[in-house]
Amino acid sequence: MPDPGRSQIVTNTDVVLQPYHSIVTQGEYRRAFPNARRFVYVNPTSIDPWRLDRAAVKPPLLDIDDEWSLPRLDLTTTEGWRTAIDEAAWALASGPEQIHGVFIDDIDRVSAATAHAFVAGLQEALGWSPELFVNRGFHAWAGLTLGAVLIEDVRGGRVAEDDPDGLSRWVSETVIPALVGVRTNGAAVHRIEYLDTSARHDHPEDQLAPGLFDSTWITAPRSLNQWPAQLKKNKDETN
């Protein structure tokens, strides 16, 4: 749990949590963050391993992502697509009275058409339209009404990691125009970089001026199982 003395005074902030996070299942979210917007994490490209283990009928998978230990759904199949929608609808089942919006991860792994179809399918399944908070996937932003975006791990170099000039071009030609565009439309812009890449030097992402972001966390643990330092009771506390 975060320190309530710190979390309760946080305003104009977006908090992203899994639907089964302890602060949610124990009914403590509103007490901890009375003035922050709650977004529920979903990932249309995968299914949580513990949910997969408990599924009566296993959905079709492409593979297991070794980096994140995630089973990747085969979205080209009817069963895989239905699972993606159903899992997201399950995550947001508590409804608009308790949830502000949905955080959609990994849309950079799918086409813009697939990302848009997923949003439309989720809205239809829910019967309401949660505000959208997306992670990267710049190619899919046009055509979506976004409340917030996340720029994750730019310095990790997943794009053109062996070509610094290519990465620099990607930042200047793709990332920055996308950020300026969504900020113009009123979306919040957040940035996260991981501790294991914080020691790198000569980062092309330094082109990203601090003024582009509403919040920045540049020393996050890769597992994201800790509250940011400004919300913790002590330095060792986890989620």
Protein backbone atom coordinates (compact mmCIF):
# COMPACT_ATOMS: atom_id res chain seq x y z
CA MET A 1 0.00 0.00 0.00
CA PRO A 2 1.19 3.54 -0.67
CA ASP A 3 1.51 6.01 2.17
CA PRO A 4 -2.03 7.49 2.36
CA GLY A 5 -0.62 10.74 3.66
CA ARG A 6 1.13 11.08 0.32
CA SER A 7 -1.26 9.38 -2.10
CA GLN A 8 -4.38 11.16 -0.83
CA ILE A 9 -3.04 14.57 -1.80
CA VAL A 10 -2.15 13.50 -5.35
CA THR A 11 -4.35 15.25 -7.91
CA ASN A 12 -4.60 15.30 -11.71
CA THR A 13 -2.87 11.90 -11.79
CA ASP A 14 -3.50 8.67 -13.69
CA VAL A 15 -3.06 5.44 -11.73
CA VAL A 16 -2.78 2.19 -13.73
CA LEU A 17 -3.48 -1.06 -11.88
CA GLN A 18 -4.21 -4.66 -12.71
CA PRO A 19 -7.84 -5.58 -11.87
CA TYR A 20 -6.63 -8.01 -9.20
CA HIS A 21 -4.19 -5.62 -7.54
CA SER A 22 -4.51 -5.89 -3.75
CA ILE A 23 -5.40 -2.21 -3.34
CA VAL A 24 -8.42 -2.88 -5.58
CA THR A 25 -9.49 -6.30 -4.26
CA GLN A 26 -9.25 -5.04 -0.67
CA GLY A 27 -11.44 -2.05 -1.49
CA GLU A 28 -8.73 0.47 -0.59
CA TYR A 29 -8.27 2.30 -3.89
CA ARG A 30 -10.62 5.21 -3.25
CA ARG A 31 -9.20 5.75 0.22
CA ALA A 32 -5.64 5.71 -1.12
CA PHE A 33 -6.29 7.80 -4.24
CA PRO A 34 -9.46 9.87 -3.75
CA ASN A 35 -8.36 12.47 -6.30
CA ALA A 36 -6.71 10.34 -9.00
CA ARG A 37 -8.10 8.66 -12.10
CA ARG A 38 -8.05 4.85 -12.08
CA PHE A 39 -7.16 3.04 -15.30
CA VAL A 40 -7.35 -0.74 -15.57
CA TYR A 41 -4.50 -2.52 -17.34
CA VAL A 42 -5.38 -4.74 -20.29
CA ASN A 43 -3.22 -6.28 -23.01
CA PRO A 44 -5.01 -7.46 -26.16
CA THR A 45 -1.99 -9.48 -27.29
CA SER A 46 -1.76 -11.72 -24.24
CA ILE A 47 -3.56 -13.48 -21.42
CA ASP A 48 -2.33 -13.49 -17.85
CA PRO A 49 -0.68 -16.84 -17.05
CA TRP A 50 -2.82 -17.42 -13.98
CA ARG A 51 -5.96 -16.76 -16.00
CA LEU A 52 -4.71 -19.13 -18.70
CA ASP A 53 -4.08 -21.86 -16.13
CA ARG A 54 -7.66 -21.56 -14.90
CA ALA A 55 -9.33 -21.38 -18.31
CA ALA A 56 -11.67 -24.29 -19.02
CA VAL A 57 -10.87 -23.99 -22.72
CA LYS A 58 -7.38 -22.81 -23.62
CA PRO A 59 -7.25 -20.08 -26.28
CA PRO A 60 -4.93 -20.46 -29.29
CA LEU A 61 -1.47 -19.05 -28.63
CA LEU A 62 1.38 -17.91 -30.82
CA ASP A 63 4.12 -18.44 -28.24
CA ILE A 64 5.36 -17.46 -24.78
CA ASP A 65 7.10 -14.10 -24.69
CA ASP A 66 10.37 -14.84 -22.89
CA GLU A 67 11.07 -11.20 -22.03
CA TRP A 68 7.79 -10.66 -20.18
CA SER A 69 6.76 -14.31 -19.53
CA LEU A 70 3.44 -13.70 -21.26
CA PRO A 71 1.43 -16.12 -23.38
CA ARG A 72 0.77 -14.30 -26.67
CA LEU A 73 -2.70 -14.79 -28.14
CA ASP A 74 -3.25 -15.69 -31.77
CA LEU A 75 -5.50 -12.79 -32.73
CA THR A 76 -5.94 -14.14 -36.26
CA THR A 77 -8.29 -16.81 -34.87
CA THR A 78 -11.88 -16.24 -33.77
CA GLU A 79 -11.15 -17.87 -30.41
CA GLY A 80 -8.02 -15.78 -29.81
CA TRP A 81 -9.80 -12.55 -30.71
CA ARG A 82 -12.78 -13.40 -28.52
CA THR A 83 -10.43 -14.15 -25.63
CA ALA A 84 -8.76 -10.75 -25.98
CA ILE A 85 -12.12 -8.96 -25.81
CA ASP A 86 -13.50 -11.16 -23.03
CA GLU A 87 -10.40 -10.79 -20.84
CA ALA A 88 -10.49 -7.01 -21.18
CA ALA A 89 -14.23 -6.88 -20.46
CA TRP A 90 -13.67 -9.04 -17.37
CA ALA A 91 -10.95 -6.64 -16.18
CA LEU A 92 -13.32 -3.67 -16.44
CA ALA A 93 -16.40 -5.46 -15.10
CA SER A 94 -16.68 -3.21 -12.02
CA GLY A 95 -17.93 -0.48 -14.34
CA PRO A 96 -17.72 3.29 -14.75
CA GLU A 97 -18.69 3.94 -11.13
CA GLN A 98 -15.30 2.60 -10.02
CA ILE A 99 -13.14 2.90 -13.16
CA HIS A 100 -12.23 5.97 -15.14
CA GLY A 101 -10.64 4.25 -18.11
CA VAL A 102 -8.62 1.46 -19.66
CA PHE A 103 -4.85 1.31 -20.12
CA ILE A 104 -4.10 -0.67 -23.30
CA ASP A 105 -0.60 -2.13 -23.52
CA ASP A 106 1.35 -3.47 -26.50
CA ILE A 107 -0.70 -1.92 -29.29
CA ASP A 108 2.61 -1.39 -31.08
CA ARG A 109 2.50 -5.17 -31.66
CA VAL A 110 -0.65 -4.97 -33.80
CA SER A 111 -1.85 -2.99 -36.80
CA ALA A 112 -3.80 0.24 -36.42
CA ALA A 113 -6.90 -1.51 -37.78
CA THR A 114 -6.56 -4.27 -35.17
CA ALA A 115 -6.07 -1.75 -32.36
CA HIS A 116 -9.16 0.21 -33.43
CA ALA A 117 -11.22 -2.96 -33.78
CA PHE A 118 -10.17 -4.04 -30.28
CA VAL A 119 -11.30 -0.73 -28.79
CA ALA A 120 -14.63 -0.92 -30.63
CA GLY A 121 -15.15 -4.55 -29.58
CA LEU A 122 -14.37 -3.75 -25.95
CA GLN A 123 -16.76 -0.81 -25.89
CA GLU A 124 -19.51 -2.98 -27.38
CA ALA A 125 -18.89 -5.74 -24.85
CA LEU A 126 -18.93 -3.29 -21.94
CA GLY A 127 -21.87 -1.17 -23.06
CA TRP A 128 -19.92 1.99 -22.13
CA SER A 129 -16.80 3.76 -23.35
CA PRO A 130 -13.91 3.95 -20.88
CA GLU A 131 -11.39 6.70 -21.44
CA LEU A 132 -8.37 5.45 -23.39
CA PHE A 133 -4.80 5.44 -22.06
CA VAL A 134 -2.42 3.70 -24.48
CA ASN A 135 1.21 2.65 -24.41
CA ARG A 136 3.17 3.60 -27.52
CA GLY A 137 1.68 2.27 -30.76
CA PHE A 138 1.97 5.69 -32.40
CA HIS A 139 0.69 4.36 -35.73
CA ALA A 140 -2.69 3.64 -34.12
CA TRP A 141 -3.26 6.96 -32.37
CA ALA A 142 -5.01 8.63 -35.30
CA GLY A 143 -8.69 7.73 -35.11
CA LEU A 144 -8.68 7.15 -31.34
CA THR A 145 -9.90 9.66 -28.77
CA LEU A 146 -7.11 9.44 -26.21
CA GLY A 147 -7.20 10.64 -22.62
CA ALA A 148 -3.59 9.75 -21.91
CA VAL A 149 -0.55 8.11 -23.50
CA LEU A 150 2.57 6.46 -22.13
CA ILE A 151 6.02 6.58 -23.68
CA GLU A 152 7.73 3.47 -22.31
CA ASP A 153 11.39 2.55 -22.41
CA VAL A 154 12.54 4.71 -25.31
CA ARG A 155 16.13 4.39 -24.10
CA GLY A 156 15.77 0.60 -24.14
CA GLY A 157 16.41 0.80 -27.86
CA ARG A 158 13.84 -1.74 -29.05
CA VAL A 159 13.56 0.34 -32.22
CA ALA A 160 16.71 0.23 -34.37
CA GLU A 161 18.75 -0.76 -31.31
CA ASP A 162 21.85 -1.31 -33.45
CA ASP A 163 21.40 1.94 -35.36
CA PRO A 164 21.57 5.05 -33.14
CA ASP A 165 20.87 7.29 -36.12
CA GLY A 166 17.78 5.23 -36.87
CA LEU A 167 16.63 5.56 -33.28
CA SER A 168 17.28 9.30 -33.37
CA ARG A 169 15.20 9.64 -36.52
CA TRP A 170 12.41 7.58 -34.94
CA VAL A 171 12.31 9.91 -31.95
CA SER A 172 12.38 13.10 -34.03
CA GLU A 173 10.10 11.97 -36.88
CA THR A 174 7.61 9.71 -35.07
CA VAL A 175 7.63 10.15 -31.31
CA ILE A 176 7.80 13.92 -30.95
CA PRO A 177 5.13 14.76 -33.59
CA ALA A 178 2.83 12.15 -32.03
CA LEU A 179 3.28 13.64 -28.55
CA VAL A 180 2.73 17.18 -29.74
CA GLY A 181 -0.42 16.05 -31.54
CA VAL A 182 -2.06 14.34 -28.57
CA ARG A 183 -1.10 17.15 -26.20
CA THR A 184 -2.78 19.59 -28.57
CA ASN A 185 -5.92 17.45 -28.27
CA GLY A 186 -5.78 17.54 -24.47
CA ALA A 187 -4.32 14.11 -23.66
CA ALA A 188 -1.98 13.65 -20.71
CA VAL A 189 1.49 12.38 -21.64
CA HIS A 190 3.52 10.18 -19.29
CA ARG A 191 6.99 8.70 -19.63
CA ILE A 192 8.64 5.74 -17.95
CA GLU A 193 12.21 4.48 -18.31
CA TYR A 194 13.66 1.49 -16.50
CA LEU A 195 16.46 1.34 -13.98
CA ASP A 196 18.39 -1.27 -15.98
CA THR A 197 18.81 1.15 -18.89
CA SER A 198 19.35 4.32 -16.86
CA ALA A 199 23.16 4.14 -17.09
CA ARG A 200 23.26 4.38 -20.88
CA HIS A 201 24.78 7.50 -22.37
CA ASP A 202 24.13 9.64 -25.46
CA HIS A 203 20.44 8.85 -25.52
CA PRO A 204 18.56 9.99 -28.63
CA GLU A 205 15.51 10.26 -26.40
CA ASP A 206 17.13 13.30 -24.79
CA GLN A 207 15.42 15.13 -27.65
CA LEU A 208 12.24 14.60 -25.61
CA ALA A 209 11.96 17.89 -23.75
CA PRO A 210 10.62 17.65 -20.17
CA GLY A 211 7.84 20.04 -21.14
CA LEU A 212 6.29 17.33 -23.30
CA PHE A 213 5.40 15.24 -20.25
CA ASP A 214 2.93 15.46 -17.40
CA SER A 215 4.94 12.93 -15.41
CA THR A 216 8.29 11.16 -15.77
CA TRP A 217 9.72 8.14 -13.93
CA ILE A 218 13.18 7.32 -15.27
CA THR A 219 14.39 4.77 -12.69
CA ALA A 220 11.47 2.36 -12.56
CA PRO A 221 12.08 -1.29 -11.62
CA ARG A 222 11.51 -3.56 -14.62
CA SER A 223 8.86 -5.56 -12.72
CA LEU A 224 6.94 -2.40 -11.75
CA ASN A 225 6.09 -4.00 -8.41
CA GLN A 226 6.98 -0.96 -6.34
CA TRP A 227 5.26 2.34 -5.78
CA PRO A 228 7.24 5.40 -6.91
CA ALA A 229 9.44 6.75 -4.12
CA GLN A 230 7.22 9.78 -3.56
CA LEU A 231 4.30 7.50 -2.60
CA LYS A 232 6.07 4.92 -0.46
CA LYS A 233 6.13 4.70 3.31
CA ASN A 234 9.66 3.35 3.12
CA LYS A 235 12.15 2.64 0.38
CA ASP A 236 11.61 -1.12 0.37
CA GLU A 237 7.83 -1.21 0.14
CA THR A 238 6.28 -3.03 -2.81
CA ASN A 239 2.81 -2.88 -4.26
